[in-house]
Amino acid sequence: MNRDRIKVLIVLGMHRSGTSLLSNWLVNCGLNLGDRLIGPSATNPNGHFEDIDFVKIQDQILLKNGVALYNDGKKKITIDDFYKKKAEKLILQRSALHPQWGWKDPRTCLFLPLWQELVPTATYVVIFRGYQQVVDSLLKRDFQRLEKRYKNGLINRLRLIIHRRRLKKQLPTLANKYLIAWSYYNRCLIDFLEKNNTILAINANEIKEMDKNTFNYLIKEGFELDYVPINSLFNPKYWDTAKKYSFKHLLDEKLIQRAEHIFSFFKDYTQTYKG
């Protein structure tokens, strides 16, 4: 490894779009994605593979701007010098420790101009997933979190019944909120890809077939990795690619039309990609 030439990989994708599976595979191939990672959960039993420090700084910027994690993009996010210097320091620290490294955090989609400025030579991999699957996954995760929180004791079971009823009443609002966020995150990625059309983008439903192409892309970009089949890490229990979506009937038709248009861009991009 040439230590004078630091290689940085940034994994991009909306929440619940396969970024954790992709990052798990990258780590198994030998890429450092952080020394302190967010651990596993009920919906991500193998881990999130998110560097705590990158998640923290991006969360702090969102909080300072009064912008929610799942937002519509209507409020502009401003980043002052304090956070720019903090982000730059983080990049320098990681580069001093690792000749090739990267990070994955879906929030990064919202801060691409910042990271492009700080890491102008970074390599990117984008992974996208259909809005129906993402909205379904987010809503199912909401129910799973309730199950985990109130799983022990009779009193908690009664509380669980109450909270599940409340959540069911909120489903139409939540489903459309998540769809709006899916559209915003992916619009950010479209803007990025239109200006950088040699970046690899992966359809999450084809990730098992794309591991060799992805590996070759990274080798071509100068990373030194050892190929591991992604099938060895794939658990269908946590990756439903079926065509049945439990919550699609809750979605607003105009929002669906917008999302379909966005998704068609990604499908066209993968077909014409010339990286």
C-alpha atoms as a PDB file:
ATOM      1  CA  MET A   1       0.000   0.000   0.000  1.00  0.00           C
ATOM      2  CA  ASN A   2       1.339   3.425  -0.996  1.00  0.00           C
ATOM      3  CA  ARG A   3       0.844   5.495   2.144  1.00  0.00           C
ATOM      4  CA  ASP A   4       1.398   8.730   0.216  1.00  0.00           C
ATOM      5  CA  ARG A   5      -1.858   8.138  -1.620  1.00  0.00           C
ATOM      6  CA  ILE A   6      -4.790   7.887   0.778  1.00  0.00           C
ATOM      7  CA  LYS A   7      -7.902   6.219  -0.654  1.00  0.00           C
ATOM      8  CA  VAL A   8     -11.295   7.188   0.765  1.00  0.00           C
ATOM      9  CA  LEU A   9     -14.588   5.505  -0.110  1.00  0.00           C
ATOM     10  CA  ILE A  10     -17.957   7.075   0.701  1.00  0.00           C
ATOM     11  CA  VAL A  11     -21.022   4.803   0.629  1.00  0.00           C
ATOM     12  CA  LEU A  12     -24.199   6.653  -0.315  1.00  0.00           C
ATOM     13  CA  GLY A  13     -27.821   5.605  -0.054  1.00  0.00           C
ATOM     14  CA  MET A  14     -31.127   6.330   1.661  1.00  0.00           C
ATOM     15  CA  HIS A  15     -31.897   4.668   5.003  1.00  0.00           C
ATOM     16  CA  ARG A  16     -33.034   1.022   4.652  1.00  0.00           C
ATOM     17  CA  SER A  17     -31.597   0.817   1.140  1.00  0.00           C
ATOM     18  CA  GLY A  18     -28.932  -1.833   1.641  1.00  0.00           C
ATOM     19  CA  THR A  19     -26.104   0.412   2.796  1.00  0.00           C
ATOM     20  CA  SER A  20     -25.437  -1.794   5.829  1.00  0.00           C
ATOM     21  CA  LEU A  21     -25.228  -4.994   3.787  1.00  0.00           C
ATOM     22  CA  LEU A  22     -22.941  -3.298   1.272  1.00  0.00           C
ATOM     23  CA  SER A  23     -20.762  -1.910   4.064  1.00  0.00           C
ATOM     24  CA  ASN A  24     -20.616  -5.264   5.844  1.00  0.00           C
ATOM     25  CA  TRP A  25     -19.294  -6.744   2.615  1.00  0.00           C
ATOM     26  CA  LEU A  26     -16.731  -3.951   2.190  1.00  0.00           C
ATOM     27  CA  VAL A  27     -15.412  -4.529   5.710  1.00  0.00           C
ATOM     28  CA  ASN A  28     -15.109  -8.249   5.013  1.00  0.00           C
ATOM     29  CA  CYS A  29     -13.154  -7.405   1.851  1.00  0.00           C
ATOM     30  CA  GLY A  30     -10.682  -5.479   4.003  1.00  0.00           C
ATOM     31  CA  LEU A  31     -11.823  -1.844   3.996  1.00  0.00           C
ATOM     32  CA  ASN A  32     -11.798   0.090   7.259  1.00  0.00           C
ATOM     33  CA  LEU A  33     -15.136   1.886   7.745  1.00  0.00           C
ATOM     34  CA  GLY A  34     -14.405   3.121  11.252  1.00  0.00           C
ATOM     35  CA  ASP A  35     -12.882   1.992  14.513  1.00  0.00           C
ATOM     36  CA  ARG A  36     -16.012   2.838  16.526  1.00  0.00           C
ATOM     37  CA  LEU A  37     -19.124   1.630  14.757  1.00  0.00           C
ATOM     38  CA  ILE A  38     -22.796   1.690  15.732  1.00  0.00           C
ATOM     39  CA  GLY A  39     -23.578  -1.823  16.891  1.00  0.00           C
ATOM     40  CA  PRO A  40     -26.251  -4.308  15.811  1.00  0.00           C
ATOM     41  CA  SER A  41     -29.986  -3.929  16.354  1.00  0.00           C
ATOM     42  CA  ALA A  42     -33.084  -6.054  15.872  1.00  0.00           C
ATOM     43  CA  THR A  43     -33.432  -4.833  12.282  1.00  0.00           C
ATOM     44  CA  ASN A  44     -29.670  -4.773  11.578  1.00  0.00           C
ATOM     45  CA  PRO A  45     -28.433  -7.843  13.476  1.00  0.00           C
ATOM     46  CA  ASN A  46     -25.006  -7.769  11.812  1.00  0.00           C
ATOM     47  CA  GLY A  47     -24.470  -4.103  12.622  1.00  0.00           C
ATOM     48  CA  HIS A  48     -25.012  -0.762  10.933  1.00  0.00           C
ATOM     49  CA  PHE A  49     -21.339  -0.228   9.992  1.00  0.00           C
ATOM     50  CA  GLU A  50     -21.709   3.485  10.662  1.00  0.00           C
ATOM     51  CA  ASP A  51     -18.762   5.426  12.080  1.00  0.00           C
ATOM     52  CA  ILE A  52     -20.069   7.024  15.275  1.00  0.00           C
ATOM     53  CA  ASP A  53     -18.074  10.218  14.736  1.00  0.00           C
ATOM     54  CA  PHE A  54     -19.457  10.838  11.228  1.00  0.00           C
ATOM     55  CA  VAL A  55     -23.005  10.129  12.388  1.00  0.00           C
ATOM     56  CA  LYS A  56     -22.532  12.451  15.360  1.00  0.00           C
ATOM     57  CA  ILE A  57     -21.261  15.443  13.383  1.00  0.00           C
ATOM     58  CA  GLN A  58     -23.996  15.132  10.756  1.00  0.00           C
ATOM     59  CA  ASP A  59     -26.664  14.774  13.428  1.00  0.00           C
ATOM     60  CA  GLN A  60     -25.300  17.892  15.145  1.00  0.00           C
ATOM     61  CA  ILE A  61     -25.548  19.903  11.919  1.00  0.00           C
ATOM     62  CA  LEU A  62     -29.132  18.736  11.365  1.00  0.00           C
ATOM     63  CA  LEU A  63     -30.027  19.634  14.959  1.00  0.00           C
ATOM     64  CA  LYS A  64     -28.443  23.073  14.703  1.00  0.00           C
ATOM     65  CA  ASN A  65     -30.474  23.736  11.552  1.00  0.00           C
ATOM     66  CA  GLY A  66     -33.674  22.408  13.092  1.00  0.00           C
ATOM     67  CA  VAL A  67     -33.938  19.787  10.353  1.00  0.00           C
ATOM     68  CA  ALA A  68     -35.292  16.295  11.027  1.00  0.00           C
ATOM     69  CA  LEU A  69     -33.581  13.113   9.897  1.00  0.00           C
ATOM     70  CA  TYR A  70     -36.522  12.288   7.620  1.00  0.00           C
ATOM     71  CA  ASN A  71     -37.179  15.660   6.025  1.00  0.00           C
ATOM     72  CA  ASP A  72     -38.510  17.113   2.780  1.00  0.00           C
ATOM     73  CA  GLY A  73     -35.520  19.279   1.866  1.00  0.00           C
ATOM     74  CA  LYS A  74     -37.506  22.518   1.961  1.00  0.00           C
ATOM     75  CA  LYS A  75     -35.316  24.054   4.660  1.00  0.00           C
ATOM     76  CA  LYS A  76     -31.774  24.812   3.531  1.00  0.00           C
ATOM     77  CA  ILE A  77     -29.030  23.293   5.665  1.00  0.00           C
ATOM     78  CA  THR A  78     -26.221  25.708   6.462  1.00  0.00           C
ATOM     79  CA  ILE A  79     -22.853  24.558   7.791  1.00  0.00           C
ATOM     80  CA  ASP A  80     -20.804  27.094   9.712  1.00  0.00           C
ATOM     81  CA  ASP A  81     -17.012  27.176  10.056  1.00  0.00           C
ATOM     82  CA  PHE A  82     -17.096  25.344  13.391  1.00  0.00           C
ATOM     83  CA  TYR A  83     -18.558  22.210  11.833  1.00  0.00           C
ATOM     84  CA  LYS A  84     -16.455  22.509   8.687  1.00  0.00           C
ATOM     85  CA  LYS A  85     -13.292  22.561  10.782  1.00  0.00           C
ATOM     86  CA  LYS A  86     -14.613  19.697  12.892  1.00  0.00           C
ATOM     87  CA  ALA A  87     -15.319  17.642   9.764  1.00  0.00           C
ATOM     88  CA  GLU A  88     -11.920  18.478   8.287  1.00  0.00           C
ATOM     89  CA  LYS A  89     -10.200  17.388  11.508  1.00  0.00           C
ATOM     90  CA  LEU A  90     -12.087  14.096  11.387  1.00  0.00           C
ATOM     91  CA  ILE A  91     -10.930  13.467   7.799  1.00  0.00           C
ATOM     92  CA  LEU A  92      -7.317  14.216   8.726  1.00  0.00           C
ATOM     93  CA  GLN A  93      -7.478  11.912  11.752  1.00  0.00           C
ATOM     94  CA  ARG A  94      -8.823   8.991   9.733  1.00  0.00           C
ATOM     95  CA  SER A  95      -6.304   9.540   6.926  1.00  0.00           C
ATOM     96  CA  ALA A  96      -3.445   9.572   9.409  1.00  0.00           C
ATOM     97  CA  LEU A  97      -4.538   6.188  10.765  1.00  0.00           C
ATOM     98  CA  HIS A  98      -5.514   4.332   7.596  1.00  0.00           C
ATOM     99  CA  PRO A  99      -4.076   4.398   4.056  1.00  0.00           C
ATOM    100  CA  GLN A 100      -7.475   3.299   2.728  1.00  0.00           C
ATOM    101  CA  TRP A 101     -10.678   3.865   4.595  1.00  0.00           C
ATOM    102  CA  GLY A 102     -14.224   5.085   4.220  1.00  0.00           C
ATOM    103  CA  TRP A 103     -17.543   5.628   5.902  1.00  0.00           C
ATOM    104  CA  LYS A 104     -21.210   4.887   5.528  1.00  0.00           C
ATOM    105  CA  ASP A 105     -24.007   7.017   6.918  1.00  0.00           C
ATOM    106  CA  PRO A 106     -27.213   7.716   4.968  1.00  0.00           C
ATOM    107  CA  ARG A 107     -27.126  11.294   6.287  1.00  0.00           C
ATOM    108  CA  THR A 108     -24.117  11.870   4.044  1.00  0.00           C
ATOM    109  CA  CYS A 109     -26.540  12.185   1.100  1.00  0.00           C
ATOM    110  CA  LEU A 110     -27.632  15.512   2.590  1.00  0.00           C
ATOM    111  CA  PHE A 111     -24.098  16.887   2.981  1.00  0.00           C
ATOM    112  CA  LEU A 112     -22.391  15.974  -0.279  1.00  0.00           C
ATOM    113  CA  PRO A 113     -21.060  19.492  -1.091  1.00  0.00           C
ATOM    114  CA  LEU A 114     -19.279  19.542   2.291  1.00  0.00           C
ATOM    115  CA  TRP A 115     -17.577  16.187   1.851  1.00  0.00           C
ATOM    116  CA  GLN A 116     -16.705  16.849  -1.793  1.00  0.00           C
ATOM    117  CA  GLU A 117     -14.909  19.998  -0.683  1.00  0.00           C
ATOM    118  CA  LEU A 118     -13.046  18.235   2.130  1.00  0.00           C
ATOM    119  CA  VAL A 119     -12.265  14.998   0.244  1.00  0.00           C
ATOM    120  CA  PRO A 120     -12.034  16.009  -3.430  1.00  0.00           C
ATOM    121  CA  THR A 121     -10.386  12.709  -4.424  1.00  0.00           C
ATOM    122  CA  ALA A 122     -12.924  10.441  -2.705  1.00  0.00           C
ATOM    123  CA  THR A 123     -14.434   7.434  -4.450  1.00  0.00           C
ATOM    124  CA  TYR A 124     -18.184   6.846  -4.153  1.00  0.00           C
ATOM    125  CA  VAL A 125     -20.558   3.922  -4.399  1.00  0.00           C
ATOM    126  CA  VAL A 126     -24.290   4.639  -4.531  1.00  0.00           C
ATOM    127  CA  ILE A 127     -26.920   2.047  -3.650  1.00  0.00           C
ATOM    128  CA  PHE A 128     -30.610   2.690  -4.311  1.00  0.00           C
ATOM    129  CA  ARG A 129     -33.771   0.793  -3.419  1.00  0.00           C
ATOM    130  CA  GLY A 130     -37.411   1.221  -4.470  1.00  0.00           C
ATOM    131  CA  TYR A 131     -39.601   3.508  -2.411  1.00  0.00           C
ATOM    132  CA  GLN A 132     -42.130   0.758  -1.622  1.00  0.00           C
ATOM    133  CA  GLN A 133     -39.472  -1.425  -0.020  1.00  0.00           C
ATOM    134  CA  VAL A 134     -37.913   1.460   1.910  1.00  0.00           C
ATOM    135  CA  VAL A 135     -41.216   2.771   3.273  1.00  0.00           C
ATOM    136  CA  ASP A 136     -42.251  -0.775   4.223  1.00  0.00           C
ATOM    137  CA  SER A 137     -38.926  -1.379   5.934  1.00  0.00           C
ATOM    138  CA  LEU A 138     -39.060   1.871   7.909  1.00  0.00           C
ATOM    139  CA  LEU A 139     -42.609   1.248   9.117  1.00  0.00           C
ATOM    140  CA  LYS A 140     -41.883  -2.355  10.040  1.00  0.00           C
ATOM    141  CA  ARG A 141     -38.849  -1.130  11.957  1.00  0.00           C
ATOM    142  CA  ASP A 142     -41.103   1.220  13.934  1.00  0.00           C
ATOM    143  CA  PHE A 143     -43.197  -1.771  15.006  1.00  0.00           C
ATOM    144  CA  GLN A 144     -40.102  -3.838  15.800  1.00  0.00           C
ATOM    145  CA  ARG A 145     -38.760  -1.096  18.041  1.00  0.00           C
ATOM    146  CA  LEU A 146     -42.004  -1.109  19.994  1.00  0.00           C
ATOM    147  CA  GLU A 147     -41.799  -4.888  20.370  1.00  0.00           C
ATOM    148  CA  LYS A 148     -38.265  -4.605  21.733  1.00  0.00           C
ATOM    149  CA  ARG A 149     -39.069  -1.747  24.090  1.00  0.00           C
ATOM    150  CA  TYR A 150     -42.092  -3.421  25.669  1.00  0.00           C
ATOM    151  CA  LYS A 151     -41.210  -7.089  25.409  1.00  0.00           C
ATOM    152  CA  ASN A 152     -40.844  -8.025  29.105  1.00  0.00           C
ATOM    153  CA  GLY A 153     -43.551  -8.159  31.766  1.00  0.00           C
ATOM    154  CA  LEU A 154     -47.325  -8.016  31.777  1.00  0.00           C
ATOM    155  CA  ILE A 155     -47.476  -4.230  32.209  1.00  0.00           C
ATOM    156  CA  ASN A 156     -45.178  -3.735  29.249  1.00  0.00           C
ATOM    157  CA  ARG A 157     -47.292  -6.065  27.122  1.00  0.00           C
ATOM    158  CA  LEU A 158     -50.333  -3.911  27.900  1.00  0.00           C
ATOM    159  CA  ARG A 159     -48.335  -0.804  27.014  1.00  0.00           C
ATOM    160  CA  LEU A 160     -47.306  -2.467  23.785  1.00  0.00           C
ATOM    161  CA  ILE A 161     -50.951  -2.955  22.794  1.00  0.00           C
ATOM    162  CA  ILE A 162     -51.660   0.735  23.445  1.00  0.00           C
ATOM    163  CA  HIS A 163     -48.608   1.961  21.535  1.00  0.00           C
ATOM    164  CA  ARG A 164     -49.248  -0.364  18.605  1.00  0.00           C
ATOM    165  CA  ARG A 165     -52.777   1.069  18.297  1.00  0.00           C
ATOM    166  CA  ARG A 166     -51.352   4.605  18.328  1.00  0.00           C
ATOM    167  CA  LEU A 167     -48.764   3.698  15.721  1.00  0.00           C
ATOM    168  CA  LYS A 168     -51.404   2.145  13.462  1.00  0.00           C
ATOM    169  CA  LYS A 169     -53.392   5.395  13.574  1.00  0.00           C
ATOM    170  CA  GLN A 170     -50.256   7.305  12.543  1.00  0.00           C
ATOM    171  CA  LEU A 171     -49.408   4.987   9.637  1.00  0.00           C
ATOM    172  CA  PRO A 172     -50.761   7.143   6.786  1.00  0.00           C
ATOM    173  CA  THR A 173     -48.848  10.183   8.053  1.00  0.00           C
ATOM    174  CA  LEU A 174     -45.670   8.224   8.695  1.00  0.00           C
ATOM    175  CA  ALA A 175     -45.787   6.364   5.386  1.00  0.00           C
ATOM    176  CA  ASN A 176     -46.002   9.585   3.388  1.00  0.00           C
ATOM    177  CA  LYS A 177     -43.399  11.266   5.583  1.00  0.00           C
ATOM    178  CA  TYR A 178     -40.982   8.441   4.804  1.00  0.00           C
ATOM    179  CA  LEU A 179     -41.833   8.588   1.106  1.00  0.00           C
ATOM    180  CA  ILE A 180     -41.123  12.333   1.022  1.00  0.00           C
ATOM    181  CA  ALA A 181     -37.791  11.711   2.750  1.00  0.00           C
ATOM    182  CA  TRP A 182     -36.976   8.896   0.277  1.00  0.00           C
ATOM    183  CA  SER A 183     -37.589  11.325  -2.571  1.00  0.00           C
ATOM    184  CA  TYR A 184     -35.428  14.046  -1.020  1.00  0.00           C
ATOM    185  CA  TYR A 185     -32.465  11.796  -0.228  1.00  0.00           C
ATOM    186  CA  ASN A 186     -32.561  10.323  -3.709  1.00  0.00           C
ATOM    187  CA  ARG A 187     -32.936  13.706  -5.383  1.00  0.00           C
ATOM    188  CA  CYS A 188     -29.697  14.677  -3.643  1.00  0.00           C
ATOM    189  CA  LEU A 189     -28.092  11.566  -5.139  1.00  0.00           C
ATOM    190  CA  ILE A 190     -29.475  12.340  -8.602  1.00  0.00           C
ATOM    191  CA  ASP A 191     -28.005  15.859  -8.486  1.00  0.00           C
ATOM    192  CA  PHE A 192     -24.692  14.302  -7.520  1.00  0.00           C
ATOM    193  CA  LEU A 193     -24.721  11.615 -10.203  1.00  0.00           C
ATOM    194  CA  GLU A 194     -25.686  14.047 -12.939  1.00  0.00           C
ATOM    195  CA  LYS A 195     -22.482  15.959 -12.203  1.00  0.00           C
ATOM    196  CA  ASN A 196     -20.364  12.813 -11.667  1.00  0.00           C
ATOM    197  CA  ASN A 197     -21.579  10.203 -14.144  1.00  0.00           C
ATOM    198  CA  THR A 198     -18.668   7.774 -13.694  1.00  0.00           C
ATOM    199  CA  ILE A 199     -19.769   6.779 -10.190  1.00  0.00           C
ATOM    200  CA  LEU A 200     -21.018   3.241  -9.673  1.00  0.00           C
ATOM    201  CA  ALA A 201     -24.686   2.958  -8.658  1.00  0.00           C
ATOM    202  CA  ILE A 202     -26.165  -0.360  -7.542  1.00  0.00           C
ATOM    203  CA  ASN A 203     -29.784  -1.464  -7.515  1.00  0.00           C
ATOM    204  CA  ALA A 204     -30.217  -2.985  -4.046  1.00  0.00           C
ATOM    205  CA  ASN A 205     -32.308  -5.811  -5.492  1.00  0.00           C
ATOM    206  CA  GLU A 206     -29.326  -6.796  -7.646  1.00  0.00           C
ATOM    207  CA  ILE A 207     -26.649  -6.481  -4.987  1.00  0.00           C
ATOM    208  CA  LYS A 208     -25.935 -10.225  -4.897  1.00  0.00           C
ATOM    209  CA  GLU A 209     -25.148 -10.185  -8.608  1.00  0.00           C
ATOM    210  CA  MET A 210     -23.152  -6.946  -8.454  1.00  0.00           C
ATOM    211  CA  ASP A 211     -20.448  -7.828  -5.922  1.00  0.00           C
ATOM    212  CA  LYS A 212     -17.787  -8.728  -8.511  1.00  0.00           C
ATOM    213  CA  ASN A 213     -18.523  -5.625 -10.586  1.00  0.00           C
ATOM    214  CA  THR A 214     -18.340  -3.504  -7.441  1.00  0.00           C
ATOM    215  CA  PHE A 215     -15.107  -5.168  -6.385  1.00  0.00           C
ATOM    216  CA  ASN A 216     -13.535  -4.567  -9.808  1.00  0.00           C
ATOM    217  CA  TYR A 217     -14.683  -0.939  -9.761  1.00  0.00           C
ATOM    218  CA  LEU A 218     -12.922  -0.386  -6.428  1.00  0.00           C
ATOM    219  CA  ILE A 219      -9.749  -2.143  -7.570  1.00  0.00           C
ATOM    220  CA  LYS A 220      -9.751   0.097 -10.642  1.00  0.00           C
ATOM    221  CA  GLU A 221     -10.087   3.086  -8.310  1.00  0.00           C
ATOM    222  CA  GLY A 222      -6.906   2.014  -6.512  1.00  0.00           C
ATOM    223  CA  PHE A 223      -8.208   0.161  -3.444  1.00  0.00           C
ATOM    224  CA  GLU A 224      -6.415  -2.980  -2.301  1.00  0.00           C
ATOM    225  CA  LEU A 225      -9.054  -5.479  -1.196  1.00  0.00           C
ATOM    226  CA  ASP A 226      -9.635  -9.225  -0.996  1.00  0.00           C
ATOM    227  CA  TYR A 227     -12.753 -10.481  -2.729  1.00  0.00           C
ATOM    228  CA  VAL A 228     -15.385 -12.135  -0.543  1.00  0.00           C
ATOM    229  CA  PRO A 229     -18.705 -13.262  -2.106  1.00  0.00           C
ATOM    230  CA  ILE A 230     -21.507 -11.137  -0.729  1.00  0.00           C
ATOM    231  CA  ASN A 231     -23.709 -14.243  -0.692  1.00  0.00           C
ATOM    232  CA  SER A 232     -21.725 -15.431   2.312  1.00  0.00           C
ATOM    233  CA  LEU A 233     -23.112 -12.437   4.266  1.00  0.00           C
ATOM    234  CA  PHE A 234     -26.612 -12.355   2.825  1.00  0.00           C
ATOM    235  CA  ASN A 235     -29.523 -13.291   5.087  1.00  0.00           C
ATOM    236  CA  PRO A 236     -32.864 -13.335   3.224  1.00  0.00           C
ATOM    237  CA  LYS A 237     -34.701 -13.051   6.541  1.00  0.00           C
ATOM    238  CA  TYR A 238     -33.594  -9.430   6.764  1.00  0.00           C
ATOM    239  CA  TRP A 239     -33.736  -8.659   3.059  1.00  0.00           C
ATOM    240  CA  ASP A 240     -37.178  -8.996   1.534  1.00  0.00           C
ATOM    241  CA  THR A 241     -37.191  -8.307  -2.212  1.00  0.00           C
ATOM    242  CA  ALA A 242     -40.729  -9.584  -2.720  1.00  0.00           C
ATOM    243  CA  LYS A 243     -43.179  -7.522  -4.758  1.00  0.00           C
ATOM    244  CA  LYS A 244     -45.791  -7.344  -1.991  1.00  0.00           C
ATOM    245  CA  TYR A 245     -45.719  -4.128   0.012  1.00  0.00           C
ATOM    246  CA  SER A 246     -47.864  -3.930   3.125  1.00  0.00           C
ATOM    247  CA  PHE A 247     -48.217  -0.150   3.237  1.00  0.00           C
ATOM    248  CA  LYS A 248     -48.340   1.008  -0.399  1.00  0.00           C
ATOM    249  CA  HIS A 249     -52.091   1.668  -0.157  1.00  0.00           C
ATOM    250  CA  LEU A 250     -51.348   4.423   2.381  1.00  0.00           C
ATOM    251  CA  LEU A 251     -49.225   6.482  -0.006  1.00  0.00           C
ATOM    252  CA  ASP A 252     -50.361   9.663  -1.730  1.00  0.00           C
ATOM    253  CA  GLU A 253     -50.720   9.220  -5.497  1.00  0.00           C
ATOM    254  CA  LYS A 254     -48.883  12.429  -6.366  1.00  0.00           C
ATOM    255  CA  LEU A 255     -45.979  11.425  -4.130  1.00  0.00           C
ATOM    256  CA  ILE A 256     -45.918   8.006  -5.796  1.00  0.00           C
ATOM    257  CA  GLN A 257     -45.719   9.589  -9.262  1.00  0.00           C
ATOM    258  CA  ARG A 258     -42.789  11.743  -8.128  1.00  0.00           C
ATOM    259  CA  ALA A 259     -41.059   8.735  -6.604  1.00  0.00           C
ATOM    260  CA  GLU A 260     -41.561   6.656  -9.750  1.00  0.00           C
ATOM    261  CA  HIS A 261     -39.913   9.394 -11.795  1.00  0.00           C
ATOM    262  CA  ILE A 262     -36.952   9.489  -9.401  1.00  0.00           C
ATOM    263  CA  PHE A 263     -36.561   5.729  -9.426  1.00  0.00           C
ATOM    264  CA  SER A 264     -36.634   5.639 -13.224  1.00  0.00           C
ATOM    265  CA  PHE A 265     -33.540   7.853 -13.247  1.00  0.00           C
ATOM    266  CA  PHE A 266     -31.579   5.267 -11.269  1.00  0.00           C
ATOM    267  CA  LYS A 267     -32.717   2.413 -13.489  1.00  0.00           C
ATOM    268  CA  ASP A 268     -31.672   4.370 -16.580  1.00  0.00           C
ATOM    269  CA  TYR A 269     -28.377   5.337 -14.975  1.00  0.00           C
ATOM    270  CA  THR A 270     -27.403   1.742 -14.250  1.00  0.00           C
ATOM    271  CA  GLN A 271     -28.193   0.765 -17.839  1.00  0.00           C
ATOM    272  CA  THR A 272     -26.079   3.547 -19.350  1.00  0.00           C
ATOM    273  CA  TYR A 273     -23.278   3.578 -16.747  1.00  0.00           C
ATOM    274  CA  LYS A 274     -19.874   3.765 -18.445  1.00  0.00           C
ATOM    275  CA  GLY A 275     -17.518   3.775 -15.461  1.00  0.00           C
END
